[in-house]
Amino acid sequence: MFRHDTRPAIFVVGLLVMATIGMLHAQTPIGGGHRLAWTQAATAAELNTFTWAIYIDGTRGPLSSVVCVADAAPNSSTCQVPFPAMTPGQHAIEILAIQTAGGQAFESARSAPLGVQFILVATPSNVRAIGPGQAIP
């Protein structure tokens, strides 16, 4: 009777699962002032027909104020935009490109998710001077 050893296959599958979980839990800390950037494959003429959408935790929204600058590589640009408003905490960000041609919109697949940890630092308020020996209210 022939018996096949499945341990190597199980080991490889286990490594793939662990790598995927690690990628989903990797969080890039961001706060106010950070920008979201990506590489967009397109000619300069095509970029003029593009818009983009963003998915934050699976919820779709428009991505406006995108600025793209041509890269040294042909038909490649680096695009960037301020991060949209988010609640503090962990989020998964995905982007897709939308090209309009002949009055019809064509969408790319979503990008790989980017895990971010949005950090919001509260601005101090009620700043005042307190005299010596004065109790803090």
N, C-alpha and C. Protein backbone atom coordinates (compact mmCIF):
# COMPACT_ATOMS: atom_id res chain seq x y z
N MET A 1 0.84 -1.17 0.00
CA MET A 1 0.00 0.00 0.00
C MET A 1 0.89 1.24 0.00
N PHE A 2 0.60 2.16 -0.90
CA PHE A 2 1.37 3.39 -1.02
C PHE A 2 0.81 4.43 -0.08
N ARG A 3 1.69 5.05 0.65
CA ARG A 3 1.25 6.07 1.60
C ARG A 3 2.01 7.36 1.29
N HIS A 4 1.27 8.43 1.05
CA HIS A 4 1.86 9.72 0.68
C HIS A 4 2.01 10.59 1.93
N ASP A 5 3.19 11.14 2.12
CA ASP A 5 3.46 12.00 3.27
C ASP A 5 2.97 13.41 2.95
N THR A 6 1.94 13.89 3.66
CA THR A 6 1.36 15.21 3.40
C THR A 6 1.96 16.30 4.29
N ARG A 7 2.91 15.94 5.15
CA ARG A 7 3.48 16.94 6.05
C ARG A 7 4.12 18.12 5.31
N PRO A 8 4.90 17.93 4.23
CA PRO A 8 5.47 19.10 3.56
C PRO A 8 4.40 20.05 3.02
N ALA A 9 3.33 19.51 2.46
CA ALA A 9 2.27 20.36 1.92
C ALA A 9 1.57 21.12 3.03
N ILE A 10 1.32 20.47 4.14
CA ILE A 10 0.67 21.13 5.28
C ILE A 10 1.57 22.23 5.82
N PHE A 11 2.88 21.98 5.86
CA PHE A 11 3.83 22.98 6.33
C PHE A 11 3.79 24.22 5.44
N VAL A 12 3.80 24.01 4.11
CA VAL A 12 3.77 25.14 3.17
C VAL A 12 2.47 25.92 3.31
N VAL A 13 1.34 25.24 3.40
CA VAL A 13 0.05 25.91 3.57
C VAL A 13 0.06 26.70 4.88
N GLY A 14 0.61 26.12 5.94
CA GLY A 14 0.69 26.81 7.22
C GLY A 14 1.51 28.08 7.13
N LEU A 15 2.65 28.03 6.41
CA LEU A 15 3.47 29.22 6.22
C LEU A 15 2.72 30.30 5.45
N LEU A 16 1.98 29.90 4.41
CA LEU A 16 1.21 30.87 3.63
C LEU A 16 0.14 31.54 4.48
N VAL A 17 -0.55 30.77 5.29
CA VAL A 17 -1.59 31.32 6.16
C VAL A 17 -0.97 32.28 7.17
N MET A 18 0.17 31.89 7.76
CA MET A 18 0.83 32.76 8.73
C MET A 18 1.31 34.05 8.07
N ALA A 19 1.83 33.97 6.85
CA ALA A 19 2.30 35.17 6.14
C ALA A 19 1.13 36.09 5.82
N THR A 20 0.00 35.52 5.41
CA THR A 20 -1.19 36.33 5.10
C THR A 20 -1.71 37.01 6.35
N ILE A 21 -1.80 36.31 7.45
CA ILE A 21 -2.28 36.90 8.70
C ILE A 21 -1.33 38.01 9.13
N GLY A 22 -0.02 37.79 8.99
CA GLY A 22 0.95 38.82 9.34
C GLY A 22 0.78 40.06 8.51
N MET A 23 0.51 39.90 7.20
CA MET A 23 0.33 41.06 6.33
C MET A 23 -0.92 41.84 6.72
N LEU A 24 -1.99 41.14 7.08
CA LEU A 24 -3.23 41.82 7.43
C LEU A 24 -3.10 42.56 8.76
N HIS A 25 -2.25 42.06 9.65
CA HIS A 25 -2.10 42.70 10.95
C HIS A 25 -0.99 43.74 10.98
N ALA A 26 -0.18 43.83 9.93
CA ALA A 26 0.87 44.85 9.87
C ALA A 26 0.19 46.21 9.75
N GLN A 27 0.51 47.08 10.66
CA GLN A 27 -0.14 48.38 10.69
C GLN A 27 0.89 49.49 10.54
N THR A 28 0.68 50.38 9.59
CA THR A 28 1.52 51.57 9.42
C THR A 28 0.89 52.68 10.24
N PRO A 29 1.60 53.22 11.25
CA PRO A 29 1.00 54.30 12.03
C PRO A 29 0.93 55.59 11.21
N ILE A 30 -0.23 56.22 11.20
CA ILE A 30 -0.42 57.49 10.48
C ILE A 30 -1.20 58.45 11.35
N GLY A 31 -1.07 59.72 11.05
CA GLY A 31 -1.82 60.76 11.76
C GLY A 31 -2.09 61.89 10.80
N GLY A 32 -2.47 63.02 11.32
CA GLY A 32 -2.74 64.18 10.48
C GLY A 32 -1.51 64.57 9.67
N GLY A 33 -1.72 64.95 8.43
CA GLY A 33 -0.62 65.37 7.57
C GLY A 33 -0.03 64.27 6.72
N HIS A 34 -0.30 63.02 7.01
CA HIS A 34 0.21 61.93 6.18
C HIS A 34 -0.55 61.89 4.85
N ARG A 35 0.11 61.37 3.83
CA ARG A 35 -0.50 61.25 2.51
C ARG A 35 -0.47 59.79 2.09
N LEU A 36 -1.44 59.43 1.30
CA LEU A 36 -1.54 58.09 0.72
C LEU A 36 -0.95 58.16 -0.68
N ALA A 37 -0.02 57.26 -1.02
CA ALA A 37 0.64 57.30 -2.33
C ALA A 37 0.62 55.91 -2.96
N TRP A 38 0.60 55.87 -4.30
CA TRP A 38 0.63 54.62 -5.03
C TRP A 38 1.21 54.85 -6.41
N THR A 39 1.62 53.77 -7.06
CA THR A 39 2.11 53.83 -8.43
C THR A 39 0.96 53.47 -9.35
N GLN A 40 0.74 54.32 -10.36
CA GLN A 40 -0.35 54.10 -11.32
C GLN A 40 0.26 53.90 -12.70
N ALA A 41 -0.01 52.74 -13.29
CA ALA A 41 0.45 52.46 -14.66
C ALA A 41 -0.55 53.08 -15.63
N ALA A 42 -0.08 54.07 -16.40
CA ALA A 42 -0.92 54.74 -17.39
C ALA A 42 -0.09 55.78 -18.12
N THR A 43 -0.52 56.09 -19.32
CA THR A 43 0.12 57.20 -20.03
C THR A 43 -0.42 58.51 -19.46
N ALA A 44 0.25 59.60 -19.78
CA ALA A 44 -0.22 60.90 -19.31
C ALA A 44 -1.63 61.19 -19.82
N ALA A 45 -1.90 60.82 -21.07
CA ALA A 45 -3.23 61.03 -21.65
C ALA A 45 -4.29 60.20 -20.90
N GLU A 46 -3.95 58.95 -20.57
CA GLU A 46 -4.90 58.10 -19.85
C GLU A 46 -5.18 58.64 -18.45
N LEU A 47 -4.15 59.15 -17.78
CA LEU A 47 -4.34 59.68 -16.42
C LEU A 47 -5.40 60.77 -16.38
N ASN A 48 -5.51 61.53 -17.47
CA ASN A 48 -6.53 62.59 -17.53
C ASN A 48 -7.95 62.04 -17.56
N THR A 49 -8.10 60.76 -17.84
CA THR A 49 -9.44 60.15 -17.90
C THR A 49 -9.74 59.32 -16.64
N PHE A 50 -8.82 59.33 -15.68
CA PHE A 50 -8.97 58.50 -14.48
C PHE A 50 -9.61 59.27 -13.34
N THR A 51 -10.35 58.54 -12.55
CA THR A 51 -10.73 58.95 -11.20
C THR A 51 -10.40 57.74 -10.33
N TRP A 52 -10.49 57.89 -9.03
CA TRP A 52 -10.15 56.80 -8.13
C TRP A 52 -11.21 56.68 -7.05
N ALA A 53 -11.33 55.48 -6.52
CA ALA A 53 -12.21 55.23 -5.38
C ALA A 53 -11.36 54.58 -4.29
N ILE A 54 -11.78 54.77 -3.06
CA ILE A 54 -11.07 54.21 -1.91
C ILE A 54 -12.04 53.35 -1.11
N TYR A 55 -11.53 52.25 -0.61
CA TYR A 55 -12.29 51.42 0.32
C TYR A 55 -11.59 51.52 1.66
N ILE A 56 -12.33 51.94 2.67
CA ILE A 56 -11.82 51.95 4.04
C ILE A 56 -12.65 50.93 4.81
N ASP A 57 -11.98 49.88 5.23
CA ASP A 57 -12.66 48.78 5.94
C ASP A 57 -13.85 48.24 5.15
N GLY A 58 -13.69 48.18 3.81
CA GLY A 58 -14.72 47.61 2.95
C GLY A 58 -15.79 48.57 2.49
N THR A 59 -15.78 49.80 2.99
CA THR A 59 -16.77 50.80 2.59
C THR A 59 -16.18 51.71 1.52
N ARG A 60 -16.87 51.81 0.40
CA ARG A 60 -16.37 52.57 -0.73
C ARG A 60 -16.71 54.05 -0.63
N GLY A 61 -15.77 54.87 -1.11
CA GLY A 61 -15.98 56.31 -1.19
C GLY A 61 -15.14 56.88 -2.31
N PRO A 62 -15.45 58.11 -2.75
CA PRO A 62 -14.65 58.73 -3.81
C PRO A 62 -13.31 59.18 -3.25
N LEU A 63 -12.33 59.25 -4.11
CA LEU A 63 -11.01 59.74 -3.73
C LEU A 63 -10.74 60.97 -4.58
N SER A 64 -10.81 62.14 -3.98
CA SER A 64 -10.64 63.38 -4.74
C SER A 64 -9.32 64.05 -4.38
N SER A 65 -8.96 65.07 -5.14
CA SER A 65 -7.72 65.83 -4.95
C SER A 65 -6.48 64.97 -5.19
N VAL A 66 -6.58 64.00 -6.09
CA VAL A 66 -5.44 63.14 -6.42
C VAL A 66 -4.48 63.91 -7.31
N VAL A 67 -3.19 63.85 -6.99
CA VAL A 67 -2.15 64.48 -7.79
C VAL A 67 -1.19 63.38 -8.24
N CYS A 68 -0.94 63.31 -9.56
CA CYS A 68 -0.03 62.30 -10.11
C CYS A 68 1.14 62.99 -10.80
N VAL A 69 2.33 62.45 -10.60
CA VAL A 69 3.56 62.96 -11.20
C VAL A 69 4.23 61.81 -11.93
N ALA A 70 4.63 62.06 -13.19
CA ALA A 70 5.25 61.02 -14.01
C ALA A 70 6.54 60.52 -13.36
N ASP A 71 6.73 59.20 -13.40
CA ASP A 71 7.96 58.56 -12.91
C ASP A 71 8.97 58.51 -14.04
N ALA A 72 10.18 58.08 -13.72
CA ALA A 72 11.22 57.91 -14.74
C ALA A 72 10.86 56.76 -15.68
N ALA A 73 10.17 55.76 -15.15
CA ALA A 73 9.75 54.62 -15.98
C ALA A 73 8.64 55.06 -16.93
N PRO A 74 8.62 54.53 -18.15
CA PRO A 74 7.56 54.93 -19.09
C PRO A 74 6.18 54.45 -18.62
N ASN A 75 5.18 55.26 -18.89
CA ASN A 75 3.78 54.94 -18.58
C ASN A 75 3.57 54.59 -17.11
N SER A 76 4.25 55.31 -16.23
CA SER A 76 4.13 55.07 -14.80
C SER A 76 4.15 56.41 -14.08
N SER A 77 3.28 56.56 -13.11
CA SER A 77 3.22 57.79 -12.32
C SER A 77 3.05 57.44 -10.86
N THR A 78 3.50 58.34 -10.00
CA THR A 78 3.24 58.22 -8.58
C THR A 78 2.11 59.19 -8.26
N CYS A 79 1.05 58.65 -7.68
CA CYS A 79 -0.11 59.46 -7.33
C CYS A 79 -0.19 59.56 -5.81
N GLN A 80 -0.72 60.68 -5.35
CA GLN A 80 -0.86 60.87 -3.91
C GLN A 80 -2.08 61.72 -3.59
N VAL A 81 -2.53 61.58 -2.37
CA VAL A 81 -3.72 62.29 -1.90
C VAL A 81 -3.65 62.32 -0.36
N PRO A 82 -4.18 63.38 0.27
CA PRO A 82 -4.24 63.36 1.73
C PRO A 82 -5.13 62.19 2.19
N PHE A 83 -4.78 61.59 3.30
CA PHE A 83 -5.64 60.53 3.84
C PHE A 83 -7.01 61.11 4.14
N PRO A 84 -8.06 60.38 3.83
CA PRO A 84 -9.40 60.86 4.19
C PRO A 84 -9.60 60.78 5.71
N ALA A 85 -10.62 61.45 6.19
CA ALA A 85 -10.93 61.42 7.62
C ALA A 85 -11.26 59.99 8.03
N MET A 86 -10.70 59.58 9.15
CA MET A 86 -10.96 58.24 9.69
C MET A 86 -11.07 58.34 11.21
N THR A 87 -11.71 57.37 11.79
CA THR A 87 -11.76 57.29 13.24
C THR A 87 -10.43 56.70 13.71
N PRO A 88 -10.01 57.02 14.93
CA PRO A 88 -8.78 56.43 15.44
C PRO A 88 -8.90 54.91 15.49
N GLY A 89 -7.79 54.24 15.25
CA GLY A 89 -7.76 52.78 15.31
C GLY A 89 -7.23 52.17 14.03
N GLN A 90 -7.41 50.86 13.93
CA GLN A 90 -6.90 50.10 12.79
C GLN A 90 -7.88 50.13 11.63
N HIS A 91 -7.32 50.27 10.42
CA HIS A 91 -8.14 50.31 9.21
C HIS A 91 -7.42 49.60 8.07
N ALA A 92 -8.19 49.08 7.13
CA ALA A 92 -7.66 48.49 5.89
C ALA A 92 -8.05 49.41 4.75
N ILE A 93 -7.05 49.84 3.97
CA ILE A 93 -7.25 50.78 2.86
C ILE A 93 -7.00 50.06 1.54
N GLU A 94 -7.92 50.22 0.60
CA GLU A 94 -7.74 49.70 -0.76
C GLU A 94 -8.13 50.81 -1.74
N ILE A 95 -7.47 50.83 -2.90
CA ILE A 95 -7.76 51.83 -3.92
C ILE A 95 -8.05 51.12 -5.23
N LEU A 96 -8.91 51.73 -6.04
CA LEU A 96 -9.10 51.24 -7.41
C LEU A 96 -9.17 52.43 -8.35
N ALA A 97 -8.73 52.18 -9.58
CA ALA A 97 -8.75 53.22 -10.62
C ALA A 97 -10.00 53.05 -11.46
N ILE A 98 -10.55 54.15 -11.91
CA ILE A 98 -11.73 54.15 -12.77
C ILE A 98 -11.38 54.97 -14.00
N GLN A 99 -11.48 54.34 -15.17
CA GLN A 99 -11.20 55.05 -16.42
C GLN A 99 -12.49 55.17 -17.21
N THR A 100 -12.76 56.38 -17.67
CA THR A 100 -13.97 56.61 -18.46
C THR A 100 -13.59 56.70 -19.93
N ALA A 101 -14.28 55.92 -20.75
CA ALA A 101 -14.05 55.93 -22.20
C ALA A 101 -15.40 55.74 -22.89
N GLY A 102 -15.70 56.60 -23.84
CA GLY A 102 -16.97 56.49 -24.56
C GLY A 102 -18.17 56.61 -23.65
N GLY A 103 -18.04 57.39 -22.59
CA GLY A 103 -19.16 57.58 -21.67
C GLY A 103 -19.38 56.41 -20.73
N GLN A 104 -18.49 55.45 -20.74
CA GLN A 104 -18.64 54.27 -19.89
C GLN A 104 -17.47 54.18 -18.93
N ALA A 105 -17.72 53.81 -17.66
CA ALA A 105 -16.68 53.70 -16.65
C ALA A 105 -16.19 52.26 -16.56
N PHE A 106 -14.87 52.10 -16.54
CA PHE A 106 -14.24 50.79 -16.39
C PHE A 106 -13.38 50.82 -15.14
N GLU A 107 -13.56 49.83 -14.26
CA GLU A 107 -12.86 49.81 -12.98
C GLU A 107 -11.76 48.76 -12.96
N SER A 108 -10.65 49.10 -12.32
CA SER A 108 -9.59 48.13 -12.08
C SER A 108 -9.99 47.26 -10.90
N ALA A 109 -9.20 46.25 -10.65
CA ALA A 109 -9.36 45.48 -9.41
C ALA A 109 -8.88 46.37 -8.26
N ARG A 110 -9.27 46.04 -7.05
CA ARG A 110 -8.79 46.78 -5.87
C ARG A 110 -7.30 46.48 -5.65
N SER A 111 -6.61 47.46 -5.12
CA SER A 111 -5.21 47.25 -4.75
C SER A 111 -5.13 46.27 -3.57
N ALA A 112 -3.95 45.80 -3.30
CA ALA A 112 -3.74 45.01 -2.09
C ALA A 112 -4.04 45.91 -0.89
N PRO A 113 -4.59 45.38 0.17
CA PRO A 113 -4.94 46.23 1.31
C PRO A 113 -3.69 46.76 2.03
N LEU A 114 -3.78 48.00 2.45
CA LEU A 114 -2.75 48.62 3.28
C LEU A 114 -3.33 48.73 4.69
N GLY A 115 -2.68 48.12 5.65
CA GLY A 115 -3.12 48.21 7.03
C GLY A 115 -2.55 49.45 7.68
N VAL A 116 -3.40 50.28 8.26
CA VAL A 116 -2.94 51.50 8.94
C VAL A 116 -3.51 51.57 10.35
N GLN A 117 -2.79 52.24 11.21
CA GLN A 117 -3.25 52.53 12.56
C GLN A 117 -3.37 54.05 12.62
N PHE A 118 -4.60 54.57 12.56
CA PHE A 118 -4.80 56.02 12.57
C PHE A 118 -4.75 56.51 14.01
N ILE A 119 -3.85 57.46 14.23
CA ILE A 119 -3.64 58.00 15.57
C ILE A 119 -4.08 59.45 15.57
N LEU A 120 -4.97 59.78 16.46
CA LEU A 120 -5.48 61.14 16.58
C LEU A 120 -5.03 61.69 17.93
N VAL A 121 -4.22 62.73 17.89
CA VAL A 121 -3.75 63.36 19.12
C VAL A 121 -4.62 64.58 19.37
N ALA A 122 -5.29 64.59 20.50
CA ALA A 122 -6.19 65.69 20.83
C ALA A 122 -5.40 66.97 21.12
N THR A 123 -5.92 68.09 20.64
CA THR A 123 -5.31 69.39 20.87
C THR A 123 -5.62 69.85 22.29
N PRO A 124 -4.61 70.33 23.02
CA PRO A 124 -4.88 70.84 24.37
C PRO A 124 -5.87 72.01 24.30
N SER A 125 -6.72 72.11 25.29
CA SER A 125 -7.70 73.20 25.33
C SER A 125 -7.68 73.84 26.72
N ASN A 126 -8.35 74.95 26.84
CA ASN A 126 -8.46 75.68 28.11
C ASN A 126 -7.08 75.96 28.71
N VAL A 127 -6.14 76.41 27.87
CA VAL A 127 -4.79 76.73 28.33
C VAL A 127 -4.86 78.02 29.13
N ARG A 128 -4.24 78.05 30.32
CA ARG A 128 -4.31 79.22 31.19
C ARG A 128 -3.13 79.21 32.16
N ALA A 129 -2.90 80.32 32.78
CA ALA A 129 -1.87 80.44 33.81
C ALA A 129 -2.54 80.31 35.18
N ILE A 130 -1.86 79.62 36.06
CA ILE A 130 -2.37 79.46 37.42
C ILE A 130 -1.30 80.05 38.35
N GLY A 131 -1.72 80.94 39.22
CA GLY A 131 -0.78 81.61 40.13
C GLY A 131 -0.26 80.68 41.21
N PRO A 132 0.86 81.08 41.83
CA PRO A 132 1.43 80.27 42.91
C PRO A 132 0.43 80.06 44.04
N GLY A 133 0.34 78.85 44.48
CA GLY A 133 -0.57 78.52 45.58
C GLY A 133 -2.02 78.44 45.18
N GLN A 134 -2.35 78.73 43.93
CA GLN A 134 -3.72 78.67 43.45
C GLN A 134 -4.09 77.22 43.17
N ALA A 135 -5.25 76.80 43.62
CA ALA A 135 -5.70 75.42 43.39
C ALA A 135 -6.12 75.23 41.95
N ILE A 136 -5.90 74.03 41.48
CA ILE A 136 -6.34 73.69 40.12
C ILE A 136 -7.82 73.36 40.19
N PRO A 137 -8.63 74.10 39.42
CA PRO A 137 -10.08 73.87 39.49
C PRO A 137 -10.47 72.53 38.93
